[in-house]
Amino acid sequence: MLRRYQQFLFGLLAGLCATALLLIVARRPAGRPVILPVTPTPRPLRVYVSGAVTAPGVYRLPPGAVAQDALNAAGGASLQADLSEINLAQPLADGDQIDIPTSAPAPKLAPASTADPGAPTALPSTQDRKINLNTATAAELDTLPGIGPVIAQRIVDYRAQHGPFARPEDLMEVDGIGEAAFNRIKEAVVVGP
């Protein structure tokens, strides 16, 4: 009988302990869920590199890229490039255009007249110095500011495929010549037969 009584007390004590433990766990304050901020993955920059570079075009660059990175992506500067006008440390944004200008060729002087050594040397008229887009070679087009050998060849190829240019503004139809590049050369070009 004593043994049954001990078993009863032990069972009762075990039940009370289990109940107390459940009450303690149930009263414990619930933790708050942790919400992690969602940071978007930065998208690569799309930058158009034109002018005096080895391979003009649109390039994808990592966020935080600078103009030097865009120049490197385009194969580097051509021999005619004038990098003094470009801030190579300039941070880039999506959709930017980096136009690498060319060094301006030395002005061409007219030959001196032998008739009157005291007379001033005449320079050719502005019309004489302009390059005819419909007859110029790639080498002649390459002398225009901001037009390197690659773009010059594209102009010749475009002319061969589509026929002569009707007006200088049609030059903007050539891949690699945007409004900024055209504005640099529009005073130096003409269209003609």
N, C-alpha and C. Protein backbone atom coordinates (compact mmCIF):
# COMPACT_ATOMS: atom_id res chain seq x y z
N MET A 1 0.82 -1.17 0.00
CA MET A 1 0.00 0.00 0.00
C MET A 1 0.88 1.25 0.00
N LEU A 2 1.92 1.18 0.74
CA LEU A 2 2.85 2.29 0.81
C LEU A 2 3.49 2.52 -0.56
N ARG A 3 3.77 1.45 -1.21
CA ARG A 3 4.37 1.55 -2.54
C ARG A 3 3.42 2.23 -3.52
N ARG A 4 2.13 1.91 -3.44
CA ARG A 4 1.16 2.55 -4.31
C ARG A 4 1.04 4.03 -3.98
N TYR A 5 1.13 4.31 -2.71
CA TYR A 5 1.04 5.70 -2.28
C TYR A 5 2.23 6.49 -2.80
N GLN A 6 3.42 5.91 -2.78
CA GLN A 6 4.62 6.56 -3.27
C GLN A 6 4.53 6.76 -4.80
N GLN A 7 4.00 5.76 -5.46
CA GLN A 7 3.84 5.89 -6.91
C GLN A 7 2.84 6.99 -7.24
N PHE A 8 1.78 7.08 -6.46
CA PHE A 8 0.78 8.10 -6.67
C PHE A 8 1.38 9.48 -6.46
N LEU A 9 2.16 9.65 -5.37
CA LEU A 9 2.78 10.95 -5.09
C LEU A 9 3.81 11.30 -6.17
N PHE A 10 4.56 10.31 -6.60
CA PHE A 10 5.55 10.55 -7.65
C PHE A 10 4.86 10.97 -8.95
N GLY A 11 3.79 10.33 -9.32
CA GLY A 11 3.03 10.66 -10.52
C GLY A 11 2.41 12.04 -10.42
N LEU A 12 1.88 12.36 -9.21
CA LEU A 12 1.29 13.67 -8.99
C LEU A 12 2.35 14.76 -9.09
N LEU A 13 3.50 14.53 -8.50
CA LEU A 13 4.61 15.49 -8.54
C LEU A 13 5.11 15.68 -9.98
N ALA A 14 5.24 14.60 -10.73
CA ALA A 14 5.68 14.68 -12.12
C ALA A 14 4.65 15.45 -12.95
N GLY A 15 3.37 15.26 -12.73
CA GLY A 15 2.32 15.97 -13.44
C GLY A 15 2.34 17.45 -13.14
N LEU A 16 2.55 17.78 -11.82
CA LEU A 16 2.61 19.20 -11.45
C LEU A 16 3.82 19.89 -12.08
N CYS A 17 4.96 19.19 -12.12
CA CYS A 17 6.16 19.76 -12.75
C CYS A 17 5.93 19.99 -14.23
N ALA A 18 5.31 19.06 -14.90
CA ALA A 18 5.05 19.20 -16.32
C ALA A 18 4.09 20.35 -16.58
N THR A 19 3.07 20.50 -15.73
CA THR A 19 2.11 21.58 -15.88
C THR A 19 2.79 22.93 -15.64
N ALA A 20 3.65 23.01 -14.61
CA ALA A 20 4.36 24.26 -14.32
C ALA A 20 5.28 24.63 -15.49
N LEU A 21 5.96 23.64 -16.06
CA LEU A 21 6.84 23.90 -17.18
C LEU A 21 6.06 24.43 -18.40
N LEU A 22 4.90 23.86 -18.67
CA LEU A 22 4.06 24.32 -19.77
C LEU A 22 3.58 25.75 -19.54
N LEU A 23 3.22 26.09 -18.28
CA LEU A 23 2.78 27.44 -17.98
C LEU A 23 3.92 28.45 -18.15
N ILE A 24 5.13 28.06 -17.76
CA ILE A 24 6.28 28.96 -17.91
C ILE A 24 6.56 29.21 -19.39
N VAL A 25 6.54 28.16 -20.19
CA VAL A 25 6.81 28.29 -21.61
C VAL A 25 5.71 29.11 -22.30
N ALA A 26 4.47 28.90 -21.89
CA ALA A 26 3.35 29.59 -22.51
C ALA A 26 3.37 31.08 -22.16
N ARG A 27 3.88 31.47 -20.99
CA ARG A 27 3.91 32.86 -20.56
C ARG A 27 5.09 33.63 -21.16
N ARG A 28 6.05 32.94 -21.66
CA ARG A 28 7.22 33.58 -22.23
C ARG A 28 6.81 34.45 -23.41
N PRO A 29 7.28 35.73 -23.48
CA PRO A 29 6.87 36.58 -24.60
C PRO A 29 7.40 36.03 -25.93
N ALA A 30 6.55 36.16 -26.93
CA ALA A 30 6.94 35.66 -28.26
C ALA A 30 7.94 36.63 -28.89
N GLY A 31 8.90 36.09 -29.59
CA GLY A 31 9.89 36.92 -30.27
C GLY A 31 9.28 37.60 -31.49
N ARG A 32 9.87 38.71 -31.87
CA ARG A 32 9.41 39.41 -33.05
C ARG A 32 10.14 38.86 -34.27
N PRO A 33 9.42 38.76 -35.39
CA PRO A 33 10.11 38.27 -36.59
C PRO A 33 11.12 39.32 -37.08
N VAL A 34 12.23 38.85 -37.56
CA VAL A 34 13.27 39.72 -38.09
C VAL A 34 12.99 39.93 -39.58
N ILE A 35 12.86 41.19 -39.97
CA ILE A 35 12.61 41.52 -41.38
C ILE A 35 13.90 42.11 -41.94
N LEU A 36 14.48 41.40 -42.88
CA LEU A 36 15.71 41.87 -43.49
C LEU A 36 15.37 42.78 -44.66
N PRO A 37 16.04 43.92 -44.75
CA PRO A 37 15.74 44.80 -45.89
C PRO A 37 16.20 44.16 -47.18
N VAL A 38 15.41 44.35 -48.21
CA VAL A 38 15.73 43.80 -49.52
C VAL A 38 16.45 44.89 -50.30
N THR A 39 17.72 44.65 -50.61
CA THR A 39 18.47 45.61 -51.40
C THR A 39 18.53 45.10 -52.84
N PRO A 40 18.12 45.94 -53.77
CA PRO A 40 18.15 45.49 -55.16
C PRO A 40 19.59 45.30 -55.64
N THR A 41 19.77 44.33 -56.48
CA THR A 41 21.08 44.10 -57.07
C THR A 41 21.34 45.21 -58.08
N PRO A 42 22.46 45.91 -57.94
CA PRO A 42 22.71 47.01 -58.88
C PRO A 42 22.82 46.49 -60.32
N ARG A 43 22.17 47.23 -61.24
CA ARG A 43 22.19 46.85 -62.65
C ARG A 43 23.44 47.41 -63.29
N PRO A 44 23.97 46.70 -64.27
CA PRO A 44 25.14 47.25 -64.98
C PRO A 44 24.75 48.51 -65.74
N LEU A 45 25.72 49.37 -65.95
CA LEU A 45 25.51 50.59 -66.70
C LEU A 45 25.67 50.30 -68.19
N ARG A 46 24.84 50.93 -69.01
CA ARG A 46 25.00 50.86 -70.46
C ARG A 46 25.52 52.21 -70.91
N VAL A 47 26.71 52.21 -71.50
CA VAL A 47 27.38 53.45 -71.88
C VAL A 47 27.77 53.37 -73.35
N TYR A 48 27.49 54.44 -74.09
CA TYR A 48 27.86 54.51 -75.50
C TYR A 48 29.20 55.23 -75.61
N VAL A 49 30.18 54.54 -76.21
CA VAL A 49 31.51 55.10 -76.40
C VAL A 49 31.69 55.34 -77.89
N SER A 50 32.00 56.59 -78.26
CA SER A 50 32.13 56.94 -79.68
C SER A 50 33.37 57.80 -79.87
N GLY A 51 33.63 58.09 -81.14
CA GLY A 51 34.75 58.97 -81.47
C GLY A 51 36.03 58.18 -81.71
N ALA A 52 37.13 58.72 -81.25
CA ALA A 52 38.46 58.17 -81.55
C ALA A 52 38.83 57.02 -80.62
N VAL A 53 38.10 55.91 -80.76
CA VAL A 53 38.39 54.70 -80.00
C VAL A 53 38.52 53.53 -80.98
N THR A 54 39.11 52.45 -80.52
CA THR A 54 39.32 51.29 -81.38
C THR A 54 38.01 50.65 -81.83
N ALA A 55 37.07 50.47 -80.91
CA ALA A 55 35.80 49.82 -81.24
C ALA A 55 34.63 50.56 -80.61
N PRO A 56 34.10 51.60 -81.26
CA PRO A 56 32.97 52.33 -80.70
C PRO A 56 31.75 51.42 -80.56
N GLY A 57 30.91 51.71 -79.59
CA GLY A 57 29.69 50.94 -79.41
C GLY A 57 29.13 51.12 -78.02
N VAL A 58 28.08 50.34 -77.71
CA VAL A 58 27.45 50.38 -76.39
C VAL A 58 28.06 49.26 -75.56
N TYR A 59 28.49 49.60 -74.36
CA TYR A 59 29.14 48.63 -73.48
C TYR A 59 28.45 48.60 -72.13
N ARG A 60 28.42 47.40 -71.53
CA ARG A 60 27.89 47.22 -70.18
C ARG A 60 29.07 47.31 -69.22
N LEU A 61 28.93 48.18 -68.23
CA LEU A 61 29.98 48.40 -67.24
C LEU A 61 29.39 48.23 -65.85
N PRO A 62 30.22 47.86 -64.87
CA PRO A 62 29.69 47.68 -63.52
C PRO A 62 29.33 49.03 -62.89
N PRO A 63 28.42 49.02 -61.92
CA PRO A 63 28.09 50.26 -61.22
C PRO A 63 29.36 50.86 -60.62
N GLY A 64 29.44 52.17 -60.63
CA GLY A 64 30.63 52.84 -60.10
C GLY A 64 31.73 53.02 -61.13
N ALA A 65 31.48 52.64 -62.39
CA ALA A 65 32.50 52.76 -63.43
C ALA A 65 32.74 54.23 -63.76
N VAL A 66 33.95 54.52 -64.24
CA VAL A 66 34.32 55.88 -64.64
C VAL A 66 34.64 55.88 -66.14
N ALA A 67 34.88 57.06 -66.69
CA ALA A 67 35.12 57.21 -68.13
C ALA A 67 36.30 56.35 -68.60
N GLN A 68 37.34 56.20 -67.78
CA GLN A 68 38.49 55.36 -68.15
C GLN A 68 38.04 53.92 -68.40
N ASP A 69 37.11 53.42 -67.59
CA ASP A 69 36.59 52.05 -67.78
C ASP A 69 35.88 51.92 -69.12
N ALA A 70 35.12 52.95 -69.50
CA ALA A 70 34.42 52.93 -70.78
C ALA A 70 35.42 52.95 -71.93
N LEU A 71 36.46 53.76 -71.80
CA LEU A 71 37.50 53.83 -72.84
C LEU A 71 38.18 52.48 -73.00
N ASN A 72 38.49 51.83 -71.89
CA ASN A 72 39.12 50.50 -71.93
C ASN A 72 38.20 49.47 -72.57
N ALA A 73 36.90 49.54 -72.26
CA ALA A 73 35.94 48.59 -72.83
C ALA A 73 35.86 48.73 -74.35
N ALA A 74 36.08 49.95 -74.85
CA ALA A 74 36.01 50.20 -76.30
C ALA A 74 37.36 49.93 -76.98
N GLY A 75 38.26 49.26 -76.31
CA GLY A 75 39.53 48.88 -76.92
C GLY A 75 40.61 49.94 -76.81
N GLY A 76 40.35 51.00 -76.07
CA GLY A 76 41.35 52.06 -75.89
C GLY A 76 41.21 53.14 -76.94
N ALA A 77 42.00 54.18 -76.76
CA ALA A 77 41.96 55.33 -77.66
C ALA A 77 42.71 55.03 -78.95
N SER A 78 42.24 55.61 -80.05
CA SER A 78 42.95 55.47 -81.33
C SER A 78 44.13 56.44 -81.33
N LEU A 79 44.96 56.34 -82.35
CA LEU A 79 46.15 57.20 -82.44
C LEU A 79 45.78 58.67 -82.59
N GLN A 80 44.60 58.96 -83.11
CA GLN A 80 44.18 60.34 -83.33
C GLN A 80 43.48 60.94 -82.11
N ALA A 81 43.30 60.18 -81.05
CA ALA A 81 42.53 60.65 -79.89
C ALA A 81 43.23 61.78 -79.16
N ASP A 82 42.41 62.69 -78.67
CA ASP A 82 42.88 63.80 -77.83
C ASP A 82 42.21 63.63 -76.48
N LEU A 83 42.91 63.00 -75.55
CA LEU A 83 42.33 62.70 -74.24
C LEU A 83 42.39 63.89 -73.28
N SER A 84 43.01 64.98 -73.70
CA SER A 84 43.13 66.13 -72.80
C SER A 84 41.77 66.79 -72.53
N GLU A 85 40.79 66.56 -73.40
CA GLU A 85 39.47 67.17 -73.22
C GLU A 85 38.51 66.26 -72.44
N ILE A 86 38.95 65.08 -72.05
CA ILE A 86 38.09 64.11 -71.38
C ILE A 86 38.54 63.95 -69.93
N ASN A 87 37.58 64.00 -69.01
CA ASN A 87 37.87 63.70 -67.60
C ASN A 87 37.72 62.19 -67.43
N LEU A 88 38.83 61.47 -67.42
CA LEU A 88 38.78 60.01 -67.36
C LEU A 88 38.33 59.49 -66.00
N ALA A 89 38.29 60.36 -64.99
CA ALA A 89 37.83 59.95 -63.66
C ALA A 89 36.36 60.26 -63.45
N GLN A 90 35.68 60.77 -64.47
CA GLN A 90 34.27 61.14 -64.35
C GLN A 90 33.42 59.90 -64.10
N PRO A 91 32.61 59.88 -63.03
CA PRO A 91 31.70 58.74 -62.80
C PRO A 91 30.64 58.68 -63.89
N LEU A 92 30.25 57.48 -64.24
CA LEU A 92 29.28 57.29 -65.33
C LEU A 92 27.91 56.93 -64.76
N ALA A 93 26.89 57.25 -65.53
CA ALA A 93 25.51 56.87 -65.21
C ALA A 93 24.96 56.08 -66.39
N ASP A 94 23.92 55.31 -66.14
CA ASP A 94 23.31 54.52 -67.20
C ASP A 94 22.83 55.44 -68.32
N GLY A 95 23.20 55.11 -69.56
CA GLY A 95 22.78 55.89 -70.71
C GLY A 95 23.74 57.00 -71.12
N ASP A 96 24.85 57.15 -70.42
CA ASP A 96 25.82 58.19 -70.78
C ASP A 96 26.48 57.90 -72.12
N GLN A 97 26.98 58.96 -72.76
CA GLN A 97 27.79 58.83 -73.97
C GLN A 97 29.14 59.45 -73.70
N ILE A 98 30.19 58.71 -73.99
CA ILE A 98 31.55 59.22 -73.90
C ILE A 98 32.05 59.34 -75.33
N ASP A 99 32.29 60.56 -75.78
CA ASP A 99 32.75 60.81 -77.14
C ASP A 99 34.20 61.27 -77.06
N ILE A 100 35.11 60.45 -77.55
CA ILE A 100 36.53 60.75 -77.50
C ILE A 100 36.89 61.58 -78.74
N PRO A 101 37.29 62.84 -78.54
CA PRO A 101 37.60 63.69 -79.70
C PRO A 101 38.97 63.35 -80.29
N THR A 102 39.19 63.79 -81.51
CA THR A 102 40.49 63.61 -82.15
C THR A 102 41.27 64.90 -82.06
N SER A 103 42.56 64.78 -82.22
CA SER A 103 43.41 65.97 -82.28
C SER A 103 43.09 66.69 -83.58
N ALA A 104 42.97 67.98 -83.51
CA ALA A 104 42.66 68.75 -84.71
C ALA A 104 43.87 68.77 -85.63
N PRO A 105 43.68 68.50 -86.92
CA PRO A 105 44.81 68.56 -87.84
C PRO A 105 45.29 70.00 -87.99
N ALA A 106 46.54 70.16 -88.32
CA ALA A 106 47.11 71.50 -88.53
C ALA A 106 46.43 72.15 -89.73
N PRO A 107 46.14 73.45 -89.64
CA PRO A 107 45.49 74.10 -90.78
C PRO A 107 46.40 74.08 -92.00
N LYS A 108 45.78 73.89 -93.17
CA LYS A 108 46.53 73.83 -94.42
C LYS A 108 46.68 75.24 -94.97
N LEU A 109 47.89 75.63 -95.28
CA LEU A 109 48.15 76.95 -95.85
C LEU A 109 48.27 76.83 -97.35
N ALA A 110 47.85 77.88 -98.04
CA ALA A 110 47.97 77.90 -99.49
C ALA A 110 49.43 78.15 -99.85
N PRO A 111 49.89 77.62 -100.98
CA PRO A 111 51.27 77.87 -101.37
C PRO A 111 51.51 79.36 -101.59
N ALA A 112 52.69 79.81 -101.26
CA ALA A 112 53.04 81.22 -101.41
C ALA A 112 53.10 81.58 -102.89
N SER A 113 52.63 82.75 -103.22
CA SER A 113 52.64 83.22 -104.61
C SER A 113 54.03 83.75 -104.94
N THR A 114 54.51 83.42 -106.10
CA THR A 114 55.83 83.92 -106.51
C THR A 114 55.71 85.23 -107.26
N ALA A 115 54.48 85.66 -107.57
CA ALA A 115 54.30 86.89 -108.34
C ALA A 115 54.69 88.12 -107.52
N ASP A 116 54.22 88.22 -106.29
CA ASP A 116 54.51 89.39 -105.47
C ASP A 116 54.90 88.92 -104.08
N PRO A 117 56.21 88.88 -103.77
CA PRO A 117 56.62 88.39 -102.47
C PRO A 117 56.09 89.22 -101.31
N GLY A 118 55.74 90.47 -101.51
CA GLY A 118 55.24 91.31 -100.43
C GLY A 118 53.76 91.13 -100.17
N ALA A 119 53.03 90.46 -101.07
CA ALA A 119 51.58 90.29 -100.91
C ALA A 119 51.30 89.22 -99.87
N PRO A 120 50.24 89.41 -99.09
CA PRO A 120 49.91 88.40 -98.08
C PRO A 120 49.48 87.09 -98.75
N THR A 121 49.78 85.99 -98.08
CA THR A 121 49.42 84.66 -98.58
C THR A 121 47.94 84.46 -98.35
N ALA A 122 47.23 84.07 -99.36
CA ALA A 122 45.78 83.87 -99.23
C ALA A 122 45.51 82.44 -98.78
N LEU A 123 44.60 82.32 -97.84
CA LEU A 123 44.14 81.00 -97.42
C LEU A 123 42.99 80.57 -98.30
N PRO A 124 42.80 79.28 -98.50
CA PRO A 124 41.66 78.85 -99.30
C PRO A 124 40.36 79.28 -98.62
N SER A 125 39.33 79.44 -99.39
CA SER A 125 38.05 79.83 -98.81
C SER A 125 37.52 78.70 -97.95
N THR A 126 36.56 79.05 -97.09
CA THR A 126 35.96 78.04 -96.21
C THR A 126 35.37 76.90 -97.03
N GLN A 127 34.78 77.22 -98.18
CA GLN A 127 34.18 76.19 -99.03
C GLN A 127 35.25 75.23 -99.54
N ASP A 128 36.46 75.75 -99.87
CA ASP A 128 37.53 74.90 -100.39
C ASP A 128 38.04 73.91 -99.35
N ARG A 129 37.95 74.26 -98.09
CA ARG A 129 38.48 73.39 -97.04
C ARG A 129 37.47 72.36 -96.56
N LYS A 130 36.24 72.44 -96.98
CA LYS A 130 35.22 71.49 -96.52
C LYS A 130 35.39 70.16 -97.24
N ILE A 131 35.04 69.10 -96.54
CA ILE A 131 35.15 67.75 -97.09
C ILE A 131 33.80 67.35 -97.65
N ASN A 132 33.80 66.89 -98.89
CA ASN A 132 32.58 66.44 -99.56
C ASN A 132 32.27 65.03 -99.08
N LEU A 133 31.15 64.87 -98.37
CA LEU A 133 30.77 63.57 -97.83
C LEU A 133 30.52 62.52 -98.91
N ASN A 134 30.22 62.94 -100.12
CA ASN A 134 29.89 61.99 -101.18
C ASN A 134 31.10 61.54 -101.98
N THR A 135 32.25 62.20 -101.80
CA THR A 135 33.43 61.81 -102.57
C THR A 135 34.65 61.55 -101.69
N ALA A 136 34.59 61.89 -100.43
CA ALA A 136 35.75 61.76 -99.55
C ALA A 136 36.12 60.30 -99.30
N THR A 137 37.41 60.07 -99.19
CA THR A 137 37.90 58.73 -98.82
C THR A 137 37.85 58.59 -97.31
N ALA A 138 38.04 57.38 -96.84
CA ALA A 138 38.07 57.14 -95.39
C ALA A 138 39.21 57.93 -94.75
N ALA A 139 40.33 58.04 -95.42
CA ALA A 139 41.47 58.80 -94.88
C ALA A 139 41.12 60.27 -94.75
N GLU A 140 40.40 60.82 -95.71
CA GLU A 140 40.00 62.24 -95.65
C GLU A 140 38.98 62.45 -94.53
N LEU A 141 38.04 61.53 -94.41
CA LEU A 141 37.02 61.65 -93.35
C LEU A 141 37.64 61.50 -91.96
N ASP A 142 38.71 60.74 -91.89
CA ASP A 142 39.40 60.52 -90.61
C ASP A 142 40.01 61.81 -90.07
N THR A 143 40.21 62.82 -90.91
CA THR A 143 40.78 64.09 -90.46
C THR A 143 39.76 64.98 -89.77
N LEU A 144 38.48 64.64 -89.85
CA LEU A 144 37.44 65.44 -89.20
C LEU A 144 37.52 65.26 -87.69
N PRO A 145 37.23 66.30 -86.91
CA PRO A 145 37.28 66.19 -85.45
C PRO A 145 36.28 65.17 -84.92
N GLY A 146 36.77 64.25 -84.11
CA GLY A 146 35.91 63.24 -83.50
C GLY A 146 35.63 62.03 -84.37
N ILE A 147 36.14 62.01 -85.59
CA ILE A 147 35.92 60.88 -86.51
C ILE A 147 37.23 60.12 -86.61
N GLY A 148 37.24 58.91 -86.13
CA GLY A 148 38.43 58.08 -86.23
C GLY A 148 38.35 57.19 -87.45
N PRO A 149 39.32 56.29 -87.62
CA PRO A 149 39.33 55.44 -88.80
C PRO A 149 38.13 54.50 -88.89
N VAL A 150 37.64 54.05 -87.73
CA VAL A 150 36.49 53.12 -87.75
C VAL A 150 35.24 53.84 -88.24
N ILE A 151 34.97 55.02 -87.67
CA ILE A 151 33.78 55.78 -88.08
C ILE A 151 33.92 56.24 -89.52
N ALA A 152 35.13 56.65 -89.92
CA ALA A 152 35.35 57.08 -91.31
C ALA A 152 35.00 55.95 -92.27
N GLN A 153 35.40 54.74 -91.94
CA GLN A 153 35.08 53.60 -92.81
C GLN A 153 33.59 53.32 -92.81
N ARG A 154 32.93 53.52 -91.66
CA ARG A 154 31.48 53.33 -91.60
C ARG A 154 30.76 54.32 -92.52
N ILE A 155 31.28 55.55 -92.59
CA ILE A 155 30.67 56.55 -93.48
C ILE A 155 30.80 56.10 -94.93
N VAL A 156 31.98 55.64 -95.31
CA VAL A 156 32.20 55.17 -96.68
C VAL A 156 31.30 53.97 -96.97
N ASP A 157 31.21 53.03 -96.04
CA ASP A 157 30.37 51.85 -96.22
C ASP A 157 28.89 52.23 -96.32
N TYR A 158 28.45 53.17 -95.48
CA TYR A 158 27.06 53.61 -95.51
C TYR A 158 26.74 54.24 -96.88
N ARG A 159 27.65 55.07 -97.36
CA ARG A 159 27.47 55.73 -98.66
C ARG A 159 27.39 54.69 -99.78
N ALA A 160 28.21 53.63 -99.68
CA ALA A 160 28.20 52.58 -100.71
C ALA A 160 26.87 51.81 -100.69
N GLN A 161 26.28 51.62 -99.51
CA GLN A 161 25.04 50.85 -99.40
C GLN A 161 23.81 51.69 -99.71
N HIS A 162 23.79 52.95 -99.29
CA HIS A 162 22.58 53.77 -99.37
C HIS A 162 22.64 54.87 -100.42
N GLY A 163 23.77 55.02 -101.08
CA GLY A 163 23.89 56.08 -102.08
C GLY A 163 24.41 57.36 -101.45
N PRO A 164 24.54 58.41 -102.27
CA PRO A 164 25.12 59.66 -101.77
C PRO A 164 24.23 60.32 -100.72
N PHE A 165 24.89 61.12 -99.88
CA PHE A 165 24.17 61.87 -98.86
C PHE A 165 23.44 63.02 -99.53
N ALA A 166 22.19 63.26 -99.15
CA ALA A 166 21.41 64.36 -99.71
C ALA A 166 21.70 65.66 -98.97
N ARG A 167 22.02 65.57 -97.69
CA ARG A 167 22.32 66.75 -96.87
C ARG A 167 23.27 66.33 -95.76
N PRO A 168 24.05 67.23 -95.21
CA PRO A 168 25.03 66.86 -94.17
C PRO A 168 24.39 66.18 -92.96
N GLU A 169 23.16 66.55 -92.60
CA GLU A 169 22.49 65.98 -91.43
C GLU A 169 22.26 64.47 -91.58
N ASP A 170 22.24 63.97 -92.84
CA ASP A 170 22.06 62.54 -93.07
C ASP A 170 23.21 61.73 -92.49
N LEU A 171 24.30 62.40 -92.20
CA LEU A 171 25.47 61.73 -91.61
C LEU A 171 25.12 61.09 -90.26
N MET A 172 24.10 61.65 -89.57
CA MET A 172 23.70 61.09 -88.27
C MET A 172 23.03 59.73 -88.40
N GLU A 173 22.75 59.28 -89.62
CA GLU A 173 22.20 57.94 -89.84
C GLU A 173 23.29 56.88 -89.72
N VAL A 174 24.55 57.29 -89.80
CA VAL A 174 25.68 56.35 -89.71
C VAL A 174 25.87 55.96 -88.26
N ASP A 175 26.01 54.66 -88.00
CA ASP A 175 26.22 54.15 -86.65
C ASP A 175 27.48 54.76 -86.05
N GLY A 176 27.34 55.37 -84.88
CA GLY A 176 28.48 55.97 -84.20
C GLY A 176 28.55 57.47 -84.32
N ILE A 177 27.65 58.07 -85.11
CA ILE A 177 27.63 59.53 -85.23
C ILE A 177 26.31 60.03 -84.66
N GLY A 178 26.41 60.61 -83.49
CA GLY A 178 25.23 61.20 -82.85
C GLY A 178 25.20 62.69 -83.10
N GLU A 179 24.28 63.34 -82.44
CA GLU A 179 24.11 64.78 -82.63
C GLU A 179 25.35 65.54 -82.18
N ALA A 180 25.95 65.13 -81.05
CA ALA A 180 27.14 65.83 -80.55
C ALA A 180 28.30 65.72 -81.54
N ALA A 181 28.53 64.53 -82.07
CA ALA A 181 29.61 64.33 -83.04
C ALA A 181 29.33 65.12 -84.32
N PHE A 182 28.07 65.12 -84.77
CA PHE A 182 27.72 65.86 -85.98
C PHE A 182 27.94 67.36 -85.79
N ASN A 183 27.56 67.88 -84.62
CA ASN A 183 27.71 69.31 -84.36
C ASN A 183 29.18 69.74 -84.40
N ARG A 184 30.10 68.84 -84.07
CA ARG A 184 31.53 69.17 -84.11
C ARG A 184 32.04 69.27 -85.55
N ILE A 185 31.43 68.55 -86.47
CA ILE A 185 31.97 68.51 -87.82
C ILE A 185 31.10 69.17 -88.88
N LYS A 186 29.91 69.63 -88.51
CA LYS A 186 28.97 70.11 -89.53
C LYS A 186 29.50 71.29 -90.33
N GLU A 187 30.36 72.12 -89.74
CA GLU A 187 30.90 73.25 -90.47
C GLU A 187 32.03 72.86 -91.41
N ALA A 188 32.52 71.62 -91.28
CA ALA A 188 33.67 71.17 -92.09
C ALA A 188 33.27 70.24 -93.22
N VAL A 189 31.95 69.97 -93.37
CA VAL A 189 31.52 69.03 -94.41
C VAL A 189 30.48 69.65 -95.32
N VAL A 190 30.41 69.13 -96.54
CA VAL A 190 29.40 69.51 -97.51
C VAL A 190 28.97 68.25 -98.24
N VAL A 191 27.85 68.34 -98.95
CA VAL A 191 27.46 67.24 -99.83
C VAL A 191 27.44 67.80 -101.25
N GLY A 192 27.84 66.98 -102.15
CA GLY A 192 27.89 67.39 -103.54
C GLY A 192 27.97 66.19 -104.44
N PRO A 193 28.04 66.41 -105.71
CA PRO A 193 28.10 65.28 -106.64
C PRO A 193 29.41 64.54 -106.51
